Amino acid sequence: MQAVVRKKNEQLESTEPNSRIERKKTSDVEEKIRLRIVPIWARILIVLVLAVTAAVGGALIGYSVIGDGNAGDVFEKSTWTHITDLVNKGTTGE
């Protein structure tokens, strides 16, 4: 009886991968399928929406709270032309 148990143990030990290469081969066979909860295209879209939200929120806070302006004036074209004129004031070739 002990001889049979010993022989089974030897067989089990011999079937286990001993080297790193053998373990890698068995792991390649048992390749798992990875299911993503949020697809990559949705992640990119989420990042873009968050970036636009941060830019608009930063402009609102910067213009109305820090700059003491009206929050609704941020969305007017005249405000942005005035800001670009201030930034580009000394850079013209005059």
C-alpha atoms as a PDB file:
ATOM      1  CA  MET A   1       0.000   0.000   0.000  1.00  0.00           C
ATOM      2  CA  GLN A   2       2.793   2.412   0.865  1.00  0.00           C
ATOM      3  CA  ALA A   3       4.490   1.648  -2.428  1.00  0.00           C
ATOM      4  CA  VAL A   4       1.364   2.664  -4.342  1.00  0.00           C
ATOM      5  CA  VAL A   5       1.038   5.915  -2.379  1.00  0.00           C
ATOM      6  CA  ARG A   6       4.734   6.650  -2.873  1.00  0.00           C
ATOM      7  CA  LYS A   7       4.432   6.001  -6.622  1.00  0.00           C
ATOM      8  CA  LYS A   8       1.435   8.360  -6.876  1.00  0.00           C
ATOM      9  CA  ASN A   9       3.350  11.060  -5.013  1.00  0.00           C
ATOM     10  CA  GLU A  10       6.273  10.642  -7.399  1.00  0.00           C
ATOM     11  CA  GLN A  11       3.936  10.984 -10.375  1.00  0.00           C
ATOM     12  CA  LEU A  12       2.380  14.138  -8.948  1.00  0.00           C
ATOM     13  CA  GLU A  13       5.789  15.635  -8.303  1.00  0.00           C
ATOM     14  CA  SER A  14       6.970  14.827 -11.807  1.00  0.00           C
ATOM     15  CA  THR A  15       3.983  16.547 -13.432  1.00  0.00           C
ATOM     16  CA  GLU A  16       4.602  19.839 -11.605  1.00  0.00           C
ATOM     17  CA  PRO A  17       6.688  22.339 -13.589  1.00  0.00           C
ATOM     18  CA  ASN A  18      10.193  22.544 -12.159  1.00  0.00           C
ATOM     19  CA  SER A  19      11.809  25.322 -14.146  1.00  0.00           C
ATOM     20  CA  ARG A  20      10.701  28.859 -14.832  1.00  0.00           C
ATOM     21  CA  ILE A  21      10.297  28.072 -18.545  1.00  0.00           C
ATOM     22  CA  GLU A  22       8.008  25.139 -17.819  1.00  0.00           C
ATOM     23  CA  ARG A  23       5.884  27.284 -15.495  1.00  0.00           C
ATOM     24  CA  LYS A  24       5.650  29.976 -18.162  1.00  0.00           C
ATOM     25  CA  LYS A  25       4.523  27.455 -20.752  1.00  0.00           C
ATOM     26  CA  THR A  26       1.771  26.216 -18.470  1.00  0.00           C
ATOM     27  CA  SER A  27       0.687  29.782 -17.678  1.00  0.00           C
ATOM     28  CA  ASP A  28       0.503  30.575 -21.402  1.00  0.00           C
ATOM     29  CA  VAL A  29      -1.839  27.647 -21.830  1.00  0.00           C
ATOM     30  CA  GLU A  30      -4.007  28.862 -18.958  1.00  0.00           C
ATOM     31  CA  GLU A  31      -4.302  32.391 -20.392  1.00  0.00           C
ATOM     32  CA  LYS A  32      -7.050  34.384 -18.720  1.00  0.00           C
ATOM     33  CA  ILE A  33      -9.423  36.596 -20.646  1.00  0.00           C
ATOM     34  CA  ARG A  34      -9.409  40.096 -19.128  1.00  0.00           C
ATOM     35  CA  LEU A  35     -12.788  41.793 -19.120  1.00  0.00           C
ATOM     36  CA  ARG A  36     -12.592  45.557 -18.678  1.00  0.00           C
ATOM     37  CA  ILE A  37     -15.340  47.240 -16.705  1.00  0.00           C
ATOM     38  CA  VAL A  38     -14.847  50.594 -18.470  1.00  0.00           C
ATOM     39  CA  PRO A  39     -13.710  50.366 -22.132  1.00  0.00           C
ATOM     40  CA  ILE A  40     -10.688  52.349 -23.293  1.00  0.00           C
ATOM     41  CA  TRP A  41     -12.742  54.656 -25.531  1.00  0.00           C
ATOM     42  CA  ALA A  42     -14.946  55.539 -22.538  1.00  0.00           C
ATOM     43  CA  ARG A  43     -11.869  56.275 -20.419  1.00  0.00           C
ATOM     44  CA  ILE A  44     -10.540  58.665 -23.058  1.00  0.00           C
ATOM     45  CA  LEU A  45     -13.931  60.369 -23.280  1.00  0.00           C
ATOM     46  CA  ILE A  46     -14.111  60.707 -19.494  1.00  0.00           C
ATOM     47  CA  VAL A  47     -10.644  62.286 -19.365  1.00  0.00           C
ATOM     48  CA  LEU A  48     -11.548  64.776 -22.114  1.00  0.00           C
ATOM     49  CA  VAL A  49     -14.794  65.751 -20.386  1.00  0.00           C
ATOM     50  CA  LEU A  50     -12.969  66.216 -17.084  1.00  0.00           C
ATOM     51  CA  ALA A  51     -10.282  68.344 -18.768  1.00  0.00           C
ATOM     52  CA  VAL A  52     -12.876  70.632 -20.380  1.00  0.00           C
ATOM     53  CA  THR A  53     -14.782  70.870 -17.095  1.00  0.00           C
ATOM     54  CA  ALA A  54     -11.589  71.790 -15.240  1.00  0.00           C
ATOM     55  CA  ALA A  55     -10.698  74.464 -17.815  1.00  0.00           C
ATOM     56  CA  VAL A  56     -14.153  76.058 -17.707  1.00  0.00           C
ATOM     57  CA  GLY A  57     -14.285  75.849 -13.910  1.00  0.00           C
ATOM     58  CA  GLY A  58     -10.825  77.374 -13.637  1.00  0.00           C
ATOM     59  CA  ALA A  59     -11.785  80.223 -15.948  1.00  0.00           C
ATOM     60  CA  LEU A  60     -14.961  80.898 -13.962  1.00  0.00           C
ATOM     61  CA  ILE A  61     -13.156  80.910 -10.633  1.00  0.00           C
ATOM     62  CA  GLY A  62     -10.217  82.892 -11.943  1.00  0.00           C
ATOM     63  CA  TYR A  63     -12.324  85.577 -13.579  1.00  0.00           C
ATOM     64  CA  SER A  64     -15.124  85.920 -11.034  1.00  0.00           C
ATOM     65  CA  VAL A  65     -13.513  85.153  -7.656  1.00  0.00           C
ATOM     66  CA  ILE A  66      -9.884  86.159  -8.152  1.00  0.00           C
ATOM     67  CA  GLY A  67     -10.465  88.847 -10.765  1.00  0.00           C
ATOM     68  CA  ASP A  68     -13.621  90.338  -9.221  1.00  0.00           C
ATOM     69  CA  GLY A  69     -15.540  90.080 -12.502  1.00  0.00           C
ATOM     70  CA  ASN A  70     -18.961  88.731 -13.357  1.00  0.00           C
ATOM     71  CA  ALA A  71     -18.988  84.935 -13.784  1.00  0.00           C
ATOM     72  CA  GLY A  72     -21.191  85.146 -16.885  1.00  0.00           C
ATOM     73  CA  ASP A  73     -18.712  87.421 -18.649  1.00  0.00           C
ATOM     74  CA  VAL A  74     -16.286  84.527 -19.032  1.00  0.00           C
ATOM     75  CA  PHE A  75     -18.342  83.150 -21.902  1.00  0.00           C
ATOM     76  CA  GLU A  76     -18.366  86.403 -23.920  1.00  0.00           C
ATOM     77  CA  LYS A  77     -16.023  86.818 -26.876  1.00  0.00           C
ATOM     78  CA  SER A  78     -15.101  90.380 -25.915  1.00  0.00           C
ATOM     79  CA  THR A  79     -13.640  89.153 -22.637  1.00  0.00           C
ATOM     80  CA  TRP A  80     -11.281  86.761 -24.393  1.00  0.00           C
ATOM     81  CA  THR A  81     -10.230  89.301 -27.022  1.00  0.00           C
ATOM     82  CA  HIS A  82      -9.410  91.702 -24.191  1.00  0.00           C
ATOM     83  CA  ILE A  83      -7.370  89.009 -22.407  1.00  0.00           C
ATOM     84  CA  THR A  84      -5.457  88.090 -25.579  1.00  0.00           C
ATOM     85  CA  ASP A  85      -4.800  91.795 -26.265  1.00  0.00           C
ATOM     86  CA  LEU A  86      -3.319  92.145 -22.771  1.00  0.00           C
ATOM     87  CA  VAL A  87      -1.139  89.066 -23.224  1.00  0.00           C
ATOM     88  CA  ASN A  88       0.060  90.045 -26.716  1.00  0.00           C
ATOM     89  CA  LYS A  89       0.523  93.761 -25.924  1.00  0.00           C
ATOM     90  CA  GLY A  90       4.324  93.879 -26.130  1.00  0.00           C
ATOM     91  CA  THR A  91       4.833  91.110 -28.667  1.00  0.00           C
ATOM     92  CA  THR A  92       3.806  92.965 -31.845  1.00  0.00           C
ATOM     93  CA  GLY A  93       6.527  94.165 -34.207  1.00  0.00           C
ATOM     94  CA  GLU A  94       5.706  97.861 -33.762  1.00  0.00           C
END
